[in-house]
Amino acid sequence: MFPNVYKKAELKIFGDGCQVYKIKGVDETRNIMIMSHHDVVSANEKWEQEPFGGEIINGKLWGRGTVDTKTSFYAELKAMDELLKKGLCLK
């Protein structure tokens, strides 16, 4: 889905599922870091509440995926892919 990121970034893997994509920029003294997570917790694990219930209990929202950042993860990779496609951000 992000061919320019995968083609132009150096991929480093740390442990299970930790991936870092390093892209050398125009000025290496001015770096940015874009972070997100994309893990998924199994619905078969032990849950305090129904994993797909989406219920508010004692002022807290309970449910699988209620605080995930998959949307921002996708948006960050998409934005980086588009910038790389246009030749921006590269040395």
Protein backbone atom coordinates (compact mmCIF):
# COMPACT_ATOMS: atom_id res chain seq x y z
CA MET A 1 0.00 0.00 0.00
CA PHE A 2 2.99 2.31 0.50
CA PRO A 3 5.46 1.43 -2.27
CA ASN A 4 7.59 4.55 -1.95
CA VAL A 5 8.12 4.08 1.78
CA TYR A 6 9.13 0.46 1.30
CA LYS A 7 11.36 1.29 -1.68
CA LYS A 8 13.14 4.33 -0.21
CA ALA A 9 13.26 3.65 3.53
CA GLU A 10 15.74 1.53 5.44
CA LEU A 11 13.74 -1.00 7.47
CA LYS A 12 14.99 -1.95 10.92
CA ILE A 13 13.23 -4.59 13.00
CA PHE A 14 13.50 -4.71 16.78
CA GLY A 15 11.91 -7.72 18.45
CA ASP A 16 8.47 -9.01 17.54
CA GLY A 17 6.54 -6.51 15.48
CA CYS A 18 8.61 -3.38 16.16
CA GLN A 19 9.48 -1.82 12.82
CA VAL A 20 11.40 1.40 12.20
CA TYR A 21 11.58 2.96 8.75
CA LYS A 22 14.51 5.36 8.44
CA ILE A 23 14.55 7.85 5.57
CA LYS A 24 17.58 10.07 5.16
CA GLY A 25 16.44 13.63 4.71
CA VAL A 26 17.92 16.78 3.24
CA ASP A 27 19.39 17.88 6.59
CA GLU A 28 20.17 15.11 9.07
CA THR A 29 20.44 17.63 11.92
CA ARG A 30 16.71 18.35 11.60
CA ASN A 31 14.91 15.06 12.07
CA ILE A 32 11.33 14.15 12.74
CA MET A 33 9.81 11.01 14.18
CA ILE A 34 6.37 9.79 13.27
CA MET A 35 5.06 7.14 15.64
CA SER A 36 2.03 4.94 15.90
CA HIS A 37 1.10 1.40 16.72
CA HIS A 38 -0.76 -1.22 14.79
CA ASP A 39 -0.98 -4.20 17.07
CA VAL A 40 -4.16 -6.16 17.49
CA VAL A 41 -5.11 -7.91 20.71
CA SER A 42 -6.78 -11.26 20.18
CA ALA A 43 -10.47 -11.38 21.04
CA ASN A 44 -9.80 -14.85 22.44
CA GLU A 45 -7.68 -13.49 25.29
CA LYS A 46 -9.09 -12.94 28.78
CA TRP A 47 -11.02 -9.66 28.88
CA GLU A 48 -12.42 -7.82 31.89
CA GLN A 49 -15.45 -6.85 29.79
CA GLU A 50 -16.99 -8.12 26.54
CA PRO A 51 -14.31 -7.33 23.89
CA PHE A 52 -16.82 -6.09 21.31
CA GLY A 53 -19.32 -4.61 23.77
CA GLY A 54 -18.33 -0.97 23.37
CA GLU A 55 -19.83 -0.19 26.77
CA ILE A 56 -19.17 2.71 29.12
CA ILE A 57 -18.66 1.33 32.63
CA ASN A 58 -17.72 3.63 35.51
CA GLY A 59 -16.82 6.40 33.07
CA LYS A 60 -14.50 4.25 30.95
CA LEU A 61 -15.07 2.99 27.43
CA TRP A 62 -14.52 -0.77 27.26
CA GLY A 63 -14.13 -2.58 23.97
CA ARG A 64 -11.59 -4.03 21.62
CA GLY A 65 -10.06 -1.32 19.45
CA THR A 66 -11.65 1.61 21.29
CA VAL A 67 -8.36 3.47 21.64
CA ASP A 68 -6.37 2.11 18.69
CA THR A 69 -4.44 4.43 16.43
CA LYS A 70 -4.72 2.52 13.20
CA THR A 71 -6.24 5.50 11.41
CA SER A 72 -3.33 7.78 12.29
CA PHE A 73 -0.87 4.96 11.47
CA TYR A 74 -2.36 4.68 7.99
CA ALA A 75 -2.48 8.48 7.53
CA GLU A 76 1.18 8.87 8.53
CA LEU A 77 2.38 6.19 6.13
CA LYS A 78 0.15 7.52 3.34
CA ALA A 79 1.45 11.09 3.82
CA MET A 80 5.06 9.92 3.86
CA ASP A 81 4.48 7.81 0.75
CA GLU A 82 3.02 10.80 -1.11
CA LEU A 83 5.89 13.09 -0.05
CA LEU A 84 8.43 10.52 -1.23
CA LYS A 85 6.55 10.08 -4.49
CA LYS A 86 6.93 13.82 -5.14
CA GLY A 87 10.64 13.66 -4.28
CA LEU A 88 10.32 15.62 -1.08
CA CYS A 89 12.12 14.73 2.15
CA LEU A 90 15.00 13.03 0.37
CA LYS A 91 18.68 13.81 0.33
